[in-house]
Amino acid sequence: MIEGKANVGIKALGSEFETQNTTLLKGTRPDVAIKLSTGNYALVDITAQKSAGHILDKKGNWTGHANIPYVAESIYPSINFDDPSSTKSLSDDEVEAAIKAAKESEDFKKLAEQEWLEQQENIFKKYQEKVEEIIDNFNRDIKEGGKPNKAIFRLNQRTRQSWLEETGLMIRLNTDINKDDYTLIIDKYNSRNYKEQVEFYKNNLNKEYRVKQNNYKAIEQWLDDKILN
């Protein structure tokens, strides 16, 4: 109710002020979205004192979106609807307490995000090491059992790029150097570690990278499907 009343006046400020935008972020509806000269947006959430800091937990990644460099809360005193006349303006101490609560919530979120990133990095390394082990085993089988069936043994550029984008690993055939060598090699120079992978997704794909086990299993499946002579 309070937000709706405020939005009426906000709309009159100009066309760059959008209220209740339903398309900007998935699963959330900012009270106020301000379009900046850069094309990015600043978001303002109008909220009661008792809910201060809750933008940090909203859907749509308010505080980590590449195109939203600024977010804020406009806080009003929580209203006692049983006795509206008892509602008072926020005192200086209450304002300070609200700011402190929001800061503590933000610090907690940052810590949780850091722990999550560390977990993701460990999983990323583990999966990459697993792929290296699989490739080593495949190469040993090639050397012990002969060359693979050339008619089905394909590792084209699209497949390589897909693996690189999904797992950070640049894998190629040794036939790129020696036409008679059908073993595989991980190109360490052109592969990416976790931090490089995260930056690539952020800067080139404008989205967050998430480690997915199935992407690594796809490489293993590809190798399993190769028929050796």
C-alpha atoms as a PDB file:
ATOM      1  CA  MET A   1       0.000   0.000   0.000  1.00  0.00           C
ATOM      2  CA  ILE A   2       2.733   2.452   1.008  1.00  0.00           C
ATOM      3  CA  GLU A   3       4.825   1.525  -2.033  1.00  0.00           C
ATOM      4  CA  GLY A   4       1.850   1.994  -4.337  1.00  0.00           C
ATOM      5  CA  LYS A   5       1.145   5.491  -3.001  1.00  0.00           C
ATOM      6  CA  ALA A   6       4.796   6.471  -3.398  1.00  0.00           C
ATOM      7  CA  ASN A   7       4.938   5.167  -6.963  1.00  0.00           C
ATOM      8  CA  VAL A   8       2.236   7.600  -8.082  1.00  0.00           C
ATOM      9  CA  GLY A   9       4.450  10.550  -7.218  1.00  0.00           C
ATOM     10  CA  ILE A  10       7.625   8.896  -8.514  1.00  0.00           C
ATOM     11  CA  LYS A  11       6.159   8.403 -11.995  1.00  0.00           C
ATOM     12  CA  ALA A  12       5.671  12.148 -12.242  1.00  0.00           C
ATOM     13  CA  LEU A  13       9.434  12.734 -11.861  1.00  0.00           C
ATOM     14  CA  GLY A  14      10.178  11.739 -15.461  1.00  0.00           C
ATOM     15  CA  SER A  15      10.276   8.910 -17.988  1.00  0.00           C
ATOM     16  CA  GLU A  16      13.584   7.590 -16.635  1.00  0.00           C
ATOM     17  CA  PHE A  17      11.802   6.601 -13.411  1.00  0.00           C
ATOM     18  CA  GLU A  18      10.045   3.262 -13.862  1.00  0.00           C
ATOM     19  CA  THR A  19       7.890   1.727 -11.154  1.00  0.00           C
ATOM     20  CA  GLN A  20       7.059  -1.936 -10.593  1.00  0.00           C
ATOM     21  CA  ASN A  21       9.205  -3.030 -13.580  1.00  0.00           C
ATOM     22  CA  THR A  22       8.416  -6.718 -14.257  1.00  0.00           C
ATOM     23  CA  THR A  23      10.923  -7.350 -17.054  1.00  0.00           C
ATOM     24  CA  LEU A  24      14.224  -6.042 -15.690  1.00  0.00           C
ATOM     25  CA  LEU A  25      14.957  -8.912 -13.292  1.00  0.00           C
ATOM     26  CA  LYS A  26      13.519 -12.411 -13.249  1.00  0.00           C
ATOM     27  CA  GLY A  27      11.336 -13.249 -10.271  1.00  0.00           C
ATOM     28  CA  THR A  28      11.324  -9.778  -8.700  1.00  0.00           C
ATOM     29  CA  ARG A  29       9.679  -6.393  -9.241  1.00  0.00           C
ATOM     30  CA  PRO A  30      11.683  -3.344  -8.111  1.00  0.00           C
ATOM     31  CA  ASP A  31       9.573  -0.524  -6.711  1.00  0.00           C
ATOM     32  CA  VAL A  32      11.679   2.016  -8.601  1.00  0.00           C
ATOM     33  CA  ALA A  33      14.069   1.442 -11.517  1.00  0.00           C
ATOM     34  CA  ILE A  34      15.989   4.511 -12.642  1.00  0.00           C
ATOM     35  CA  LYS A  35      17.479   4.332 -16.121  1.00  0.00           C
ATOM     36  CA  LEU A  36      20.968   5.829 -16.158  1.00  0.00           C
ATOM     37  CA  SER A  37      22.696   7.593 -19.032  1.00  0.00           C
ATOM     38  CA  THR A  38      24.914   4.525 -19.524  1.00  0.00           C
ATOM     39  CA  GLY A  39      21.889   2.349 -20.208  1.00  0.00           C
ATOM     40  CA  ASN A  40      22.277   0.611 -16.855  1.00  0.00           C
ATOM     41  CA  TYR A  41      19.761   0.850 -14.028  1.00  0.00           C
ATOM     42  CA  ALA A  42      19.733   1.946 -10.390  1.00  0.00           C
ATOM     43  CA  LEU A  43      17.139   0.213  -8.214  1.00  0.00           C
ATOM     44  CA  VAL A  44      15.344   1.553  -5.144  1.00  0.00           C
ATOM     45  CA  ASP A  45      13.195  -0.623  -2.916  1.00  0.00           C
ATOM     46  CA  ILE A  46      10.611   1.109  -0.726  1.00  0.00           C
ATOM     47  CA  THR A  47      10.354  -0.921   2.452  1.00  0.00           C
ATOM     48  CA  ALA A  48       9.272  -0.832   6.079  1.00  0.00           C
ATOM     49  CA  GLN A  49      11.841  -0.377   8.831  1.00  0.00           C
ATOM     50  CA  LYS A  50      11.449  -3.950  10.078  1.00  0.00           C
ATOM     51  CA  SER A  51      12.388  -5.278   6.625  1.00  0.00           C
ATOM     52  CA  ALA A  52      15.546  -3.193   6.191  1.00  0.00           C
ATOM     53  CA  GLY A  53      18.237  -5.066   4.303  1.00  0.00           C
ATOM     54  CA  HIS A  54      15.917  -7.526   2.591  1.00  0.00           C
ATOM     55  CA  ILE A  55      17.017  -6.426  -0.916  1.00  0.00           C
ATOM     56  CA  LEU A  56      20.124  -8.516  -0.291  1.00  0.00           C
ATOM     57  CA  ASP A  57      17.972 -11.650  -0.331  1.00  0.00           C
ATOM     58  CA  LYS A  58      15.674 -10.763  -3.217  1.00  0.00           C
ATOM     59  CA  LYS A  59      15.443 -12.908  -6.332  1.00  0.00           C
ATOM     60  CA  GLY A  60      17.090 -11.670  -9.488  1.00  0.00           C
ATOM     61  CA  ASN A  61      20.526 -10.952  -7.984  1.00  0.00           C
ATOM     62  CA  TRP A  62      19.976  -7.264  -7.200  1.00  0.00           C
ATOM     63  CA  THR A  63      23.449  -6.671  -5.757  1.00  0.00           C
ATOM     64  CA  GLY A  64      25.454  -8.726  -8.255  1.00  0.00           C
ATOM     65  CA  HIS A  65      23.923  -7.876 -11.614  1.00  0.00           C
ATOM     66  CA  ALA A  66      26.331  -6.563 -14.270  1.00  0.00           C
ATOM     67  CA  ASN A  67      23.895  -3.873 -15.459  1.00  0.00           C
ATOM     68  CA  ILE A  68      22.797  -2.635 -12.019  1.00  0.00           C
ATOM     69  CA  PRO A  69      25.658  -0.690 -10.398  1.00  0.00           C
ATOM     70  CA  TYR A  70      23.535   0.850  -7.623  1.00  0.00           C
ATOM     71  CA  VAL A  71      20.783  -0.409  -5.319  1.00  0.00           C
ATOM     72  CA  ALA A  72      19.256   1.223  -2.250  1.00  0.00           C
ATOM     73  CA  GLU A  73      16.363   1.020   0.176  1.00  0.00           C
ATOM     74  CA  SER A  74      14.046   3.894   1.018  1.00  0.00           C
ATOM     75  CA  ILE A  75      12.868   3.057   4.537  1.00  0.00           C
ATOM     76  CA  TYR A  76       9.669   4.238   6.207  1.00  0.00           C
ATOM     77  CA  PRO A  77       8.575   3.525   9.808  1.00  0.00           C
ATOM     78  CA  SER A  78       6.843   0.178  10.226  1.00  0.00           C
ATOM     79  CA  ILE A  79       3.155   0.895  10.653  1.00  0.00           C
ATOM     80  CA  ASN A  80       0.955  -0.441  13.430  1.00  0.00           C
ATOM     81  CA  PHE A  81      -2.252  -0.973  11.444  1.00  0.00           C
ATOM     82  CA  ASP A  82      -4.190  -1.701  14.637  1.00  0.00           C
ATOM     83  CA  ASP A  83      -3.350   1.820  15.814  1.00  0.00           C
ATOM     84  CA  PRO A  84      -1.910   3.864  12.913  1.00  0.00           C
ATOM     85  CA  SER A  85      -1.750   6.985  15.071  1.00  0.00           C
ATOM     86  CA  SER A  86       0.945   5.326  17.177  1.00  0.00           C
ATOM     87  CA  THR A  87       3.317   5.176  14.220  1.00  0.00           C
ATOM     88  CA  LYS A  88       6.145   7.653  14.650  1.00  0.00           C
ATOM     89  CA  SER A  89       8.898   8.943  12.436  1.00  0.00           C
ATOM     90  CA  LEU A  90      12.220   7.170  12.730  1.00  0.00           C
ATOM     91  CA  SER A  91      14.536   8.623  15.332  1.00  0.00           C
ATOM     92  CA  ASP A  92      18.215   9.126  14.570  1.00  0.00           C
ATOM     93  CA  ASP A  93      19.014   6.027  16.628  1.00  0.00           C
ATOM     94  CA  GLU A  94      16.463   3.975  14.696  1.00  0.00           C
ATOM     95  CA  VAL A  95      17.852   5.149  11.368  1.00  0.00           C
ATOM     96  CA  GLU A  96      21.353   4.225  12.533  1.00  0.00           C
ATOM     97  CA  ALA A  97      20.112   0.831  13.735  1.00  0.00           C
ATOM     98  CA  ALA A  98      18.435   0.186  10.367  1.00  0.00           C
ATOM     99  CA  ILE A  99      21.636   1.081   8.512  1.00  0.00           C
ATOM    100  CA  LYS A 100      23.651  -1.180  10.840  1.00  0.00           C
ATOM    101  CA  ALA A 101      21.238  -4.087  10.329  1.00  0.00           C
ATOM    102  CA  ALA A 102      21.445  -3.696   6.555  1.00  0.00           C
ATOM    103  CA  LYS A 103      25.245  -3.554   6.720  1.00  0.00           C
ATOM    104  CA  GLU A 104      25.418  -6.694   8.875  1.00  0.00           C
ATOM    105  CA  SER A 105      23.086  -8.481   6.469  1.00  0.00           C
ATOM    106  CA  GLU A 106      25.269  -7.410   3.552  1.00  0.00           C
ATOM    107  CA  ASP A 107      28.449  -8.577   5.305  1.00  0.00           C
ATOM    108  CA  PHE A 108      26.843 -11.941   6.042  1.00  0.00           C
ATOM    109  CA  LYS A 109      25.783 -12.308   2.429  1.00  0.00           C
ATOM    110  CA  LYS A 110      29.289 -11.468   1.186  1.00  0.00           C
ATOM    111  CA  LEU A 111      30.772 -14.092   3.505  1.00  0.00           C
ATOM    112  CA  ALA A 112      28.272 -16.700   2.331  1.00  0.00           C
ATOM    113  CA  GLU A 113      29.002 -15.841  -1.303  1.00  0.00           C
ATOM    114  CA  GLN A 114      32.753 -16.131  -0.694  1.00  0.00           C
ATOM    115  CA  GLU A 115      32.321 -19.566   0.881  1.00  0.00           C
ATOM    116  CA  TRP A 116      30.129 -20.639  -2.040  1.00  0.00           C
ATOM    117  CA  LEU A 117      32.742 -19.425  -4.564  1.00  0.00           C
ATOM    118  CA  GLU A 118      35.461 -21.362  -2.760  1.00  0.00           C
ATOM    119  CA  GLN A 119      33.334 -24.497  -2.870  1.00  0.00           C
ATOM    120  CA  GLN A 120      32.682 -23.968  -6.572  1.00  0.00           C
ATOM    121  CA  GLU A 121      36.407 -23.507  -7.236  1.00  0.00           C
ATOM    122  CA  ASN A 122      37.255 -26.747  -5.417  1.00  0.00           C
ATOM    123  CA  ILE A 123      34.615 -28.647  -7.386  1.00  0.00           C
ATOM    124  CA  PHE A 124      35.865 -27.067 -10.629  1.00  0.00           C
ATOM    125  CA  LYS A 125      39.431 -28.224  -9.903  1.00  0.00           C
ATOM    126  CA  LYS A 126      38.253 -31.710  -8.942  1.00  0.00           C
ATOM    127  CA  TYR A 127      36.289 -32.144 -12.168  1.00  0.00           C
ATOM    128  CA  GLN A 128      39.162 -30.845 -14.293  1.00  0.00           C
ATOM    129  CA  GLU A 129      41.533 -33.296 -12.601  1.00  0.00           C
ATOM    130  CA  LYS A 130      39.017 -36.089 -13.264  1.00  0.00           C
ATOM    131  CA  VAL A 131      38.960 -35.220 -16.973  1.00  0.00           C
ATOM    132  CA  GLU A 132      42.776 -35.258 -17.048  1.00  0.00           C
ATOM    133  CA  GLU A 133      42.711 -38.736 -15.498  1.00  0.00           C
ATOM    134  CA  ILE A 134      40.150 -39.930 -18.049  1.00  0.00           C
ATOM    135  CA  ILE A 135      42.236 -38.572 -20.920  1.00  0.00           C
ATOM    136  CA  ASP A 136      45.361 -40.261 -19.540  1.00  0.00           C
ATOM    137  CA  ASN A 137      43.486 -43.574 -19.438  1.00  0.00           C
ATOM    138  CA  PHE A 138      42.147 -43.027 -22.952  1.00  0.00           C
ATOM    139  CA  ASN A 139      45.627 -42.281 -24.294  1.00  0.00           C
ATOM    140  CA  ARG A 140      46.970 -45.435 -22.638  1.00  0.00           C
ATOM    141  CA  ASP A 141      44.210 -47.496 -24.272  1.00  0.00           C
ATOM    142  CA  ILE A 142      45.009 -45.929 -27.634  1.00  0.00           C
ATOM    143  CA  LYS A 143      48.692 -46.787 -27.333  1.00  0.00           C
ATOM    144  CA  GLU A 144      48.001 -50.332 -26.126  1.00  0.00           C
ATOM    145  CA  GLY A 145      45.101 -51.189 -28.394  1.00  0.00           C
ATOM    146  CA  GLY A 146      45.778 -49.384 -31.641  1.00  0.00           C
ATOM    147  CA  LYS A 147      44.267 -46.412 -33.418  1.00  0.00           C
ATOM    148  CA  PRO A 148      40.606 -45.464 -33.062  1.00  0.00           C
ATOM    149  CA  ASN A 149      38.104 -45.815 -35.866  1.00  0.00           C
ATOM    150  CA  LYS A 150      38.895 -42.735 -37.952  1.00  0.00           C
ATOM    151  CA  ALA A 151      35.417 -42.648 -39.469  1.00  0.00           C
ATOM    152  CA  ILE A 152      33.805 -41.733 -36.136  1.00  0.00           C
ATOM    153  CA  PHE A 153      36.715 -40.130 -34.343  1.00  0.00           C
ATOM    154  CA  ARG A 154      35.978 -36.434 -34.677  1.00  0.00           C
ATOM    155  CA  LEU A 155      36.995 -33.536 -32.487  1.00  0.00           C
ATOM    156  CA  ASN A 156      35.936 -30.439 -34.391  1.00  0.00           C
ATOM    157  CA  GLN A 157      36.315 -26.810 -33.430  1.00  0.00           C
ATOM    158  CA  ARG A 158      32.719 -26.510 -32.232  1.00  0.00           C
ATOM    159  CA  THR A 159      33.172 -29.382 -29.781  1.00  0.00           C
ATOM    160  CA  ARG A 160      36.441 -27.933 -28.503  1.00  0.00           C
ATOM    161  CA  GLN A 161      34.910 -24.505 -27.949  1.00  0.00           C
ATOM    162  CA  SER A 162      31.897 -26.024 -26.224  1.00  0.00           C
ATOM    163  CA  TRP A 163      34.123 -27.922 -23.799  1.00  0.00           C
ATOM    164  CA  LEU A 164      36.232 -24.829 -23.176  1.00  0.00           C
ATOM    165  CA  GLU A 165      33.173 -22.689 -22.486  1.00  0.00           C
ATOM    166  CA  GLU A 166      31.580 -25.264 -20.193  1.00  0.00           C
ATOM    167  CA  THR A 167      34.604 -26.681 -18.351  1.00  0.00           C
ATOM    168  CA  GLY A 168      37.524 -24.308 -18.953  1.00  0.00           C
ATOM    169  CA  LEU A 169      39.469 -27.097 -20.674  1.00  0.00           C
ATOM    170  CA  MET A 170      40.915 -26.768 -24.167  1.00  0.00           C
ATOM    171  CA  ILE A 171      41.295 -30.340 -25.435  1.00  0.00           C
ATOM    172  CA  ARG A 172      42.715 -31.279 -28.802  1.00  0.00           C
ATOM    173  CA  LEU A 173      44.006 -34.239 -30.742  1.00  0.00           C
ATOM    174  CA  ASN A 174      47.707 -34.786 -31.104  1.00  0.00           C
ATOM    175  CA  THR A 175      47.002 -35.263 -34.801  1.00  0.00           C
ATOM    176  CA  ASP A 176      47.035 -31.461 -34.914  1.00  0.00           C
ATOM    177  CA  ILE A 177      50.815 -31.896 -34.622  1.00  0.00           C
ATOM    178  CA  ASN A 178      51.401 -35.495 -35.669  1.00  0.00           C
ATOM    179  CA  LYS A 179      48.901 -36.942 -38.143  1.00  0.00           C
ATOM    180  CA  ASP A 180      49.586 -40.465 -36.904  1.00  0.00           C
ATOM    181  CA  ASP A 181      49.068 -39.702 -33.216  1.00  0.00           C
ATOM    182  CA  TYR A 182      45.422 -40.023 -32.142  1.00  0.00           C
ATOM    183  CA  THR A 183      45.966 -39.402 -28.456  1.00  0.00           C
ATOM    184  CA  LEU A 184      44.481 -36.344 -26.750  1.00  0.00           C
ATOM    185  CA  ILE A 185      46.176 -33.452 -25.023  1.00  0.00           C
ATOM    186  CA  ILE A 186      44.921 -30.716 -22.685  1.00  0.00           C
ATOM    187  CA  ASP A 187      46.208 -27.414 -23.982  1.00  0.00           C
ATOM    188  CA  LYS A 188      47.191 -25.830 -20.657  1.00  0.00           C
ATOM    189  CA  TYR A 189      48.079 -22.502 -22.250  1.00  0.00           C
ATOM    190  CA  ASN A 190      44.575 -21.986 -23.662  1.00  0.00           C
ATOM    191  CA  SER A 191      42.657 -23.649 -20.833  1.00  0.00           C
ATOM    192  CA  ARG A 192      41.192 -21.577 -17.993  1.00  0.00           C
ATOM    193  CA  ASN A 193      41.271 -21.845 -14.226  1.00  0.00           C
ATOM    194  CA  TYR A 194      38.152 -21.115 -12.155  1.00  0.00           C
ATOM    195  CA  LYS A 195      38.731 -17.382 -11.732  1.00  0.00           C
ATOM    196  CA  GLU A 196      39.440 -16.979 -15.453  1.00  0.00           C
ATOM    197  CA  GLN A 197      36.284 -18.955 -16.247  1.00  0.00           C
ATOM    198  CA  VAL A 198      34.173 -16.748 -13.977  1.00  0.00           C
ATOM    199  CA  GLU A 199      35.611 -13.586 -15.549  1.00  0.00           C
ATOM    200  CA  PHE A 200      35.012 -14.934 -19.054  1.00  0.00           C
ATOM    201  CA  TYR A 201      31.322 -15.536 -18.312  1.00  0.00           C
ATOM    202  CA  LYS A 202      30.937 -12.146 -16.662  1.00  0.00           C
ATOM    203  CA  ASN A 203      32.709 -10.106 -19.345  1.00  0.00           C
ATOM    204  CA  ASN A 204      31.780 -12.038 -22.501  1.00  0.00           C
ATOM    205  CA  LEU A 205      28.487 -13.796 -21.774  1.00  0.00           C
ATOM    206  CA  ASN A 206      27.120 -11.350 -19.166  1.00  0.00           C
ATOM    207  CA  LYS A 207      26.076 -14.140 -16.812  1.00  0.00           C
ATOM    208  CA  GLU A 208      27.271 -16.093 -13.810  1.00  0.00           C
ATOM    209  CA  TYR A 209      29.323 -19.254 -14.311  1.00  0.00           C
ATOM    210  CA  ARG A 210      28.184 -22.329 -12.441  1.00  0.00           C
ATOM    211  CA  VAL A 211      30.066 -25.618 -12.301  1.00  0.00           C
ATOM    212  CA  LYS A 212      27.936 -28.422 -13.725  1.00  0.00           C
ATOM    213  CA  GLN A 213      29.000 -32.044 -13.382  1.00  0.00           C
ATOM    214  CA  ASN A 214      27.155 -33.060 -16.548  1.00  0.00           C
ATOM    215  CA  ASN A 215      29.432 -30.844 -18.665  1.00  0.00           C
ATOM    216  CA  TYR A 216      32.437 -32.855 -17.539  1.00  0.00           C
ATOM    217  CA  LYS A 217      30.603 -36.152 -17.899  1.00  0.00           C
ATOM    218  CA  ALA A 218      29.865 -35.191 -21.522  1.00  0.00           C
ATOM    219  CA  ILE A 219      33.598 -35.341 -22.249  1.00  0.00           C
ATOM    220  CA  GLU A 220      33.830 -38.757 -20.615  1.00  0.00           C
ATOM    221  CA  GLN A 221      30.816 -39.954 -22.618  1.00  0.00           C
ATOM    222  CA  TRP A 222      32.349 -38.667 -25.833  1.00  0.00           C
ATOM    223  CA  LEU A 223      35.466 -40.741 -25.157  1.00  0.00           C
ATOM    224  CA  ASP A 224      33.443 -43.801 -24.159  1.00  0.00           C
ATOM    225  CA  ASP A 225      31.628 -43.660 -27.488  1.00  0.00           C
ATOM    226  CA  LYS A 226      34.854 -43.901 -29.481  1.00  0.00           C
ATOM    227  CA  ILE A 227      35.353 -47.366 -30.950  1.00  0.00           C
ATOM    228  CA  LEU A 228      38.917 -48.610 -31.058  1.00  0.00           C
ATOM    229  CA  ASN A 229      40.198 -50.928 -33.795  1.00  0.00           C
END
